[in-house]
């Protein structure tokens, strides 16, 4: 991963079917960090071809609220090339590459993206990839998949496809503790943004319960989640942001330790806890994260306000 790239803020990534222009018109009002224009699961096989025709015009619409815009493509080779042709345009953040199971899939997708960047006057290497790991084979080969890509910046664990693939009767989040934690650790080892929940997001009539499983995921180290309904967006934005209590504690830890260092000490007792370098670095990382989240929220707020003004003048 290119360490000079700005850290991703993707607490909420809202799926919108590519052919639902009515939903796309409202995308800017949802306050999502990312809008995923979907060509995969939400599009019927008979509608794939026509859905591609909506993508180019949807990019600017989806971005009006300050969200990054991504297109989720199909994994089948006969569909992928057409999907990429329809999706790689100026203004897009990246591609969601689904059901990855081999390094060859990544290399093929990156070669296609590179060609389209050149043809369409897009900055070389600027289109990123979000890797969807959704099968048992993909899970076992995840490390070689990540090593094969130069554009991969984020990972998404496809819970529903994964449990279908392994034949699991999935009822609680704890049943997937091992694969999800392995997936998270792998993402962190590669310096990637990692989206996932310790439960599932397919049930959206109990937002309090959704917040709890999202908050648990944040505490484990996940950075965000996909959303299948607009009502989930603010839940995810809140769950995957440090709380005021977290922020206050981190600031105090950093201040106390800095004072200790000035006094010539490498560790210091604070609130019955011994503060040393790893604890302080973790606190500083949280404060750094707060800064980029605040910048993202401010940017979205500005874009939303500008869009309101523009629409009022039409």
Protein backbone atom coordinates (compact mmCIF):
# COMPACT_ATOMS: atom_id res chain seq x y z
CA UNK A 1 0.00 0.00 0.00
CA UNK A 2 1.14 3.53 -0.79
CA UNK A 3 1.66 5.08 2.65
CA UNK A 4 1.37 8.59 1.18
CA UNK A 5 -2.31 8.07 0.39
CA UNK A 6 -4.80 9.79 2.65
CA UNK A 7 -6.40 7.37 5.15
CA UNK A 8 -9.80 6.12 4.09
CA UNK A 9 -12.90 7.11 6.01
CA UNK A 10 -15.51 4.53 5.10
CA UNK A 11 -17.64 3.98 8.16
CA UNK A 12 -20.71 3.57 5.96
CA UNK A 13 -20.81 2.28 2.40
CA UNK A 14 -24.34 2.35 0.98
CA UNK A 15 -25.28 0.00 -1.85
CA UNK A 16 -27.52 1.48 -4.55
CA UNK A 17 -28.58 -0.63 -7.55
CA UNK A 18 -27.19 0.94 -10.71
CA UNK A 19 -30.61 0.96 -12.39
CA UNK A 20 -32.46 2.68 -9.54
CA UNK A 21 -32.16 6.26 -10.72
CA UNK A 22 -34.73 7.34 -8.13
CA UNK A 23 -32.45 6.10 -5.35
CA UNK A 24 -29.39 7.65 -7.00
CA UNK A 25 -31.06 11.06 -7.10
CA UNK A 26 -31.36 10.90 -3.30
CA UNK A 27 -27.89 9.46 -2.66
CA UNK A 28 -26.46 12.84 -1.64
CA UNK A 29 -28.97 13.13 1.21
CA UNK A 30 -27.89 9.89 2.92
CA UNK A 31 -24.63 11.17 4.47
CA UNK A 32 -22.81 7.94 3.58
CA UNK A 33 -19.02 8.01 3.45
CA UNK A 34 -19.16 5.87 0.30
CA UNK A 35 -21.82 5.13 -2.29
CA UNK A 36 -21.48 1.75 -3.98
CA UNK A 37 -23.17 1.69 -7.39
CA UNK A 38 -24.10 -1.97 -7.65
CA UNK A 39 -23.96 -4.08 -10.80
CA UNK A 40 -23.85 -7.39 -8.92
CA UNK A 41 -26.34 -8.96 -6.51
CA UNK A 42 -29.05 -6.28 -6.65
CA UNK A 43 -29.31 -6.49 -10.45
CA UNK A 44 -31.23 -9.35 -12.06
CA UNK A 45 -29.31 -11.29 -14.75
CA UNK A 46 -31.71 -10.04 -17.42
CA UNK A 47 -31.04 -6.43 -16.38
CA UNK A 48 -27.22 -6.49 -16.24
CA UNK A 49 -26.73 -5.03 -19.71
CA UNK A 50 -29.18 -2.16 -19.29
CA UNK A 51 -27.93 -1.39 -15.75
CA UNK A 52 -24.45 -0.68 -17.08
CA UNK A 53 -25.86 2.18 -19.09
CA UNK A 54 -26.73 4.08 -15.92
CA UNK A 55 -23.30 3.98 -14.27
CA UNK A 56 -21.46 6.83 -15.98
CA UNK A 57 -24.26 9.31 -15.36
CA UNK A 58 -24.69 8.15 -11.77
CA UNK A 59 -21.13 8.90 -10.64
CA UNK A 60 -21.59 12.66 -10.33
CA UNK A 61 -25.05 12.20 -8.78
CA UNK A 62 -23.72 9.84 -6.13
CA UNK A 63 -20.81 12.15 -5.32
CA UNK A 64 -22.94 15.25 -4.71
CA UNK A 65 -22.98 14.62 -0.96
CA UNK A 66 -19.22 14.25 -0.66
CA UNK A 67 -19.16 10.44 -0.70
CA UNK A 68 -16.49 8.43 -2.42
CA UNK A 69 -18.08 6.54 -5.31
CA UNK A 70 -17.35 2.91 -6.07
CA UNK A 71 -18.87 0.40 -8.48
CA UNK A 72 -19.36 -3.22 -7.42
CA UNK A 73 -18.77 -5.45 -10.42
CA UNK A 74 -19.63 -9.05 -11.20
CA UNK A 75 -16.95 -11.70 -10.87
CA UNK A 76 -17.74 -13.79 -13.96
CA UNK A 77 -15.16 -13.01 -16.71
CA UNK A 78 -17.86 -12.58 -19.36
CA UNK A 79 -19.51 -9.91 -17.19
CA UNK A 80 -16.48 -8.29 -15.58
CA UNK A 81 -14.97 -6.80 -18.73
CA UNK A 82 -18.27 -5.18 -19.70
CA UNK A 83 -18.77 -3.96 -16.12
CA UNK A 84 -15.36 -2.30 -16.05
CA UNK A 85 -15.93 -0.69 -19.46
CA UNK A 86 -19.11 0.82 -18.04
CA UNK A 87 -17.56 1.86 -14.70
CA UNK A 88 -14.08 3.33 -15.10
CA UNK A 89 -14.76 7.02 -15.62
CA UNK A 90 -13.36 10.26 -14.19
CA UNK A 91 -14.76 10.94 -10.73
CA UNK A 92 -14.91 7.36 -9.55
CA UNK A 93 -12.91 6.32 -6.47
CA UNK A 94 -12.65 2.68 -7.35
CA UNK A 95 -13.99 -0.75 -8.17
CA UNK A 96 -15.42 -3.36 -5.82
CA UNK A 97 -14.00 -6.64 -7.13
CA UNK A 98 -16.25 -9.45 -5.94
CA UNK A 99 -15.72 -13.11 -5.04
CA UNK A 100 -11.96 -12.94 -5.49
CA UNK A 101 -10.35 -16.36 -5.37
CA UNK A 102 -7.03 -15.94 -7.17
CA UNK A 103 -4.15 -13.60 -7.85
CA UNK A 104 -4.94 -13.91 -11.55
CA UNK A 105 -8.35 -12.30 -11.05
CA UNK A 106 -6.72 -9.28 -9.45
CA UNK A 107 -4.07 -8.97 -12.14
CA UNK A 108 -6.68 -9.22 -14.90
CA UNK A 109 -8.87 -6.55 -13.32
CA UNK A 110 -5.91 -4.21 -12.78
CA UNK A 111 -4.77 -4.61 -16.38
CA UNK A 112 -8.26 -3.72 -17.62
CA UNK A 113 -8.44 -0.72 -15.31
CA UNK A 114 -5.00 0.50 -16.44
CA UNK A 115 -6.06 0.33 -20.08
CA UNK A 116 -9.25 2.27 -19.40
CA UNK A 117 -7.40 4.92 -17.38
CA UNK A 118 -5.12 5.53 -20.34
CA UNK A 119 -7.91 5.60 -22.93
CA UNK A 120 -10.14 7.90 -20.87
CA UNK A 121 -7.53 10.36 -19.65
CA UNK A 122 -7.68 9.31 -16.00
CA UNK A 123 -4.60 9.70 -13.82
CA UNK A 124 -2.54 6.52 -13.99
CA UNK A 125 -3.03 4.31 -10.94
CA UNK A 126 -5.70 6.52 -9.38
CA UNK A 127 -8.55 4.01 -9.57
CA UNK A 128 -8.47 1.85 -6.44
CA UNK A 129 -9.87 -1.60 -5.71
CA UNK A 130 -11.89 -2.89 -2.79
CA UNK A 131 -11.40 -6.64 -2.55
CA UNK A 132 -14.47 -8.68 -1.62
CA UNK A 133 -13.51 -11.99 0.01
CA UNK A 134 -16.65 -14.11 0.00
CA UNK A 135 -15.80 -17.79 -0.40
CA UNK A 136 -13.80 -20.50 1.36
CA UNK A 137 -11.27 -20.55 -1.48
CA UNK A 138 -10.94 -16.78 -1.40
CA UNK A 139 -10.42 -16.88 2.35
CA UNK A 140 -7.62 -19.45 2.07
CA UNK A 141 -5.94 -17.54 -0.76
CA UNK A 142 -6.50 -14.04 0.64
CA UNK A 143 -2.81 -13.36 1.26
CA UNK A 144 -1.75 -14.18 -2.29
CA UNK A 145 -4.70 -12.17 -3.61
CA UNK A 146 -3.56 -9.09 -1.68
CA UNK A 147 0.05 -9.53 -2.72
CA UNK A 148 -1.01 -9.60 -6.38
CA UNK A 149 -2.66 -6.18 -6.33
CA UNK A 150 -1.13 -2.71 -6.45
CA UNK A 151 -4.51 -0.94 -6.34
CA UNK A 152 -6.16 -2.70 -3.39
CA UNK A 153 -6.88 -0.29 -0.53
CA UNK A 154 -9.70 -1.94 1.32
CA UNK A 155 -11.24 -5.30 2.16
CA UNK A 156 -14.83 -6.37 2.64
CA UNK A 157 -15.81 -9.72 4.12
CA UNK A 158 -18.89 -11.01 2.27
CA UNK A 159 -20.71 -12.65 5.15
CA UNK A 160 -23.81 -13.96 3.36
CA UNK A 161 -21.92 -15.46 0.43
CA UNK A 162 -19.32 -16.94 2.76
CA UNK A 163 -21.78 -18.75 5.02
CA UNK A 164 -23.63 -20.04 1.95
CA UNK A 165 -20.37 -21.32 0.50
CA UNK A 166 -19.37 -23.25 3.62
CA UNK A 167 -22.90 -24.46 4.37
CA UNK A 168 -23.24 -22.72 7.72
CA UNK A 169 -26.58 -22.23 9.45
CA UNK A 170 -25.56 -18.76 10.59
CA UNK A 171 -27.50 -17.49 13.59
CA UNK A 172 -25.05 -15.45 15.70
CA UNK A 173 -22.03 -13.27 15.05
CA UNK A 174 -19.79 -15.43 17.25
CA UNK A 175 -20.05 -18.30 14.78
CA UNK A 176 -17.81 -16.38 12.37
CA UNK A 177 -15.38 -15.10 14.99
CA UNK A 178 -12.40 -17.04 13.61
CA UNK A 179 -12.67 -16.13 9.90
CA UNK A 180 -13.57 -12.51 10.60
CA UNK A 181 -10.69 -11.96 13.02
CA UNK A 182 -8.26 -13.70 10.67
CA UNK A 183 -9.55 -11.46 7.88
CA UNK A 184 -9.13 -8.36 10.05
CA UNK A 185 -5.57 -9.23 11.06
CA UNK A 186 -4.68 -9.88 7.41
CA UNK A 187 -6.07 -6.49 6.41
CA UNK A 188 -4.08 -4.70 9.10
CA UNK A 189 -0.90 -6.54 8.10
CA UNK A 190 -1.31 -5.10 4.59
CA UNK A 191 -2.26 -1.63 5.86
CA UNK A 192 -5.77 -1.84 4.43
CA UNK A 193 -9.13 -0.43 5.48
CA UNK A 194 -11.28 -3.32 6.68
CA UNK A 195 -15.10 -3.40 6.60
CA UNK A 196 -17.11 -5.94 8.53
CA UNK A 197 -19.49 -6.65 11.36
CA UNK A 198 -19.40 -9.26 14.09
CA UNK A 199 -22.97 -10.05 13.05
CA UNK A 200 -24.94 -9.42 9.85
CA UNK A 201 -26.49 -6.30 8.31
CA UNK A 202 -29.33 -7.96 6.41
CA UNK A 203 -31.86 -7.35 9.19
CA UNK A 204 -32.51 -3.62 9.46
CA UNK A 205 -35.70 -3.39 11.53
CA UNK A 206 -33.77 -3.38 14.82
CA UNK A 207 -31.34 -0.48 14.56
CA UNK A 208 -30.38 -0.65 18.25
CA UNK A 209 -29.17 -4.22 17.80
CA UNK A 210 -27.35 -3.23 14.62
CA UNK A 211 -25.56 -0.46 16.47
CA UNK A 212 -24.38 -2.91 19.13
CA UNK A 213 -22.85 -5.38 16.65
CA UNK A 214 -21.30 -2.50 14.69
CA UNK A 215 -19.84 -0.98 17.84
CA UNK A 216 -18.42 -4.36 18.80
CA UNK A 217 -16.77 -4.60 15.39
CA UNK A 218 -15.27 -1.13 15.87
CA UNK A 219 -13.84 -2.21 19.23
CA UNK A 220 -12.24 -5.25 17.59
CA UNK A 221 -10.61 -3.00 14.99
CA UNK A 222 -12.93 -2.97 11.97
CA UNK A 223 -13.22 0.40 10.24
CA UNK A 224 -16.75 0.38 8.84
CA UNK A 225 -19.52 -1.63 7.24
CA UNK A 226 -21.61 -1.82 4.12
CA UNK A 227 -25.24 -0.68 4.33
CA UNK A 228 -28.11 -2.26 2.46
CA UNK A 229 -30.64 0.38 3.53
CA UNK A 230 -30.33 4.16 4.08
CA UNK A 231 -31.53 3.77 7.69
CA UNK A 232 -28.27 1.98 8.49
CA UNK A 233 -25.98 4.80 7.40
CA UNK A 234 -26.10 7.02 10.49
CA UNK A 235 -25.88 3.92 12.71
CA UNK A 236 -22.61 2.95 11.06
CA UNK A 237 -21.25 6.51 11.05
CA UNK A 238 -21.81 6.68 14.79
CA UNK A 239 -20.70 3.13 15.65
CA UNK A 240 -17.42 3.39 13.74
CA UNK A 241 -16.44 6.81 15.14
CA UNK A 242 -14.56 7.25 18.44
CA UNK A 243 -16.87 8.36 21.24
CA UNK A 244 -16.32 11.60 23.15
CA UNK A 245 -15.26 9.44 26.10
CA UNK A 246 -12.68 7.66 23.92
CA UNK A 247 -11.37 10.99 22.62
CA UNK A 248 -11.13 12.59 26.04
CA UNK A 249 -9.31 9.58 27.45
CA UNK A 250 -6.86 9.51 24.52
CA UNK A 251 -6.06 13.20 24.89
CA UNK A 252 -5.40 12.79 28.59
CA UNK A 253 -3.16 9.78 28.02
CA UNK A 254 -1.07 11.64 25.44
CA UNK A 255 -0.78 14.73 27.64
CA UNK A 256 0.20 12.77 30.76
CA UNK A 257 2.80 10.74 28.88
CA UNK A 258 4.32 13.78 27.17
CA UNK A 259 4.73 15.41 30.57
CA UNK A 260 6.36 12.23 31.85
CA UNK A 261 8.80 12.18 28.92
CA UNK A 262 9.76 15.80 29.62
CA UNK A 263 10.58 14.74 33.16
CA UNK A 264 12.84 11.98 31.85
CA UNK A 265 10.53 9.01 32.43
CA UNK A 266 9.58 6.37 29.84
CA UNK A 267 6.44 5.19 31.62
CA UNK A 268 4.03 6.70 34.12
CA UNK A 269 1.19 5.55 36.34
CA UNK A 270 -2.22 6.99 35.39
CA UNK A 271 -5.61 6.01 36.83
CA UNK A 272 -4.20 2.74 38.19
CA UNK A 273 -2.77 1.95 34.74
CA UNK A 274 0.86 1.97 33.69
CA UNK A 275 1.18 4.06 30.54
CA UNK A 276 3.98 3.05 28.20
CA UNK A 277 4.76 3.54 24.54
CA UNK A 278 2.25 1.10 22.91
CA UNK A 279 -0.67 2.47 24.94
CA UNK A 280 0.24 6.05 24.10
CA UNK A 281 0.75 5.28 20.42
CA UNK A 282 -2.69 3.69 20.32
CA UNK A 283 -4.17 6.81 21.89
CA UNK A 284 -2.38 9.01 19.35
CA UNK A 285 -3.63 6.85 16.48
CA UNK A 286 -7.17 7.34 17.74
CA UNK A 287 -6.68 11.11 17.79
CA UNK A 288 -5.25 10.98 14.28
CA UNK A 289 -8.33 9.03 13.21
CA UNK A 290 -10.60 11.62 14.79
CA UNK A 291 -8.96 14.29 12.66
CA UNK A 292 -9.54 12.52 9.34
CA UNK A 293 -13.12 11.63 10.34
CA UNK A 294 -13.81 15.27 11.20
CA UNK A 295 -12.35 16.34 7.86
CA UNK A 296 -14.55 13.85 6.03
CA UNK A 297 -17.67 14.98 7.88
CA UNK A 298 -16.87 18.63 7.21
CA UNK A 299 -16.35 17.91 3.52
CA UNK A 300 -19.64 16.03 3.27
CA UNK A 301 -21.50 18.80 5.09
CA UNK A 302 -20.07 21.38 2.66
CA UNK A 303 -21.02 19.29 -0.37
CA UNK A 304 -24.54 18.71 0.92
CA UNK A 305 -25.01 22.42 1.57
CA UNK A 306 -23.71 23.29 -1.89
CA UNK A 307 -26.04 20.76 -3.48
CA UNK A 308 -29.02 22.17 -1.58
CA UNK A 309 -28.17 25.65 -2.86
CA UNK A 310 -27.69 24.45 -6.42
CA UNK A 311 -30.99 22.59 -6.45
CA UNK A 312 -32.85 25.56 -4.98
CA UNK A 313 -31.68 27.67 -7.92
CA UNK A 314 -32.99 25.30 -10.56
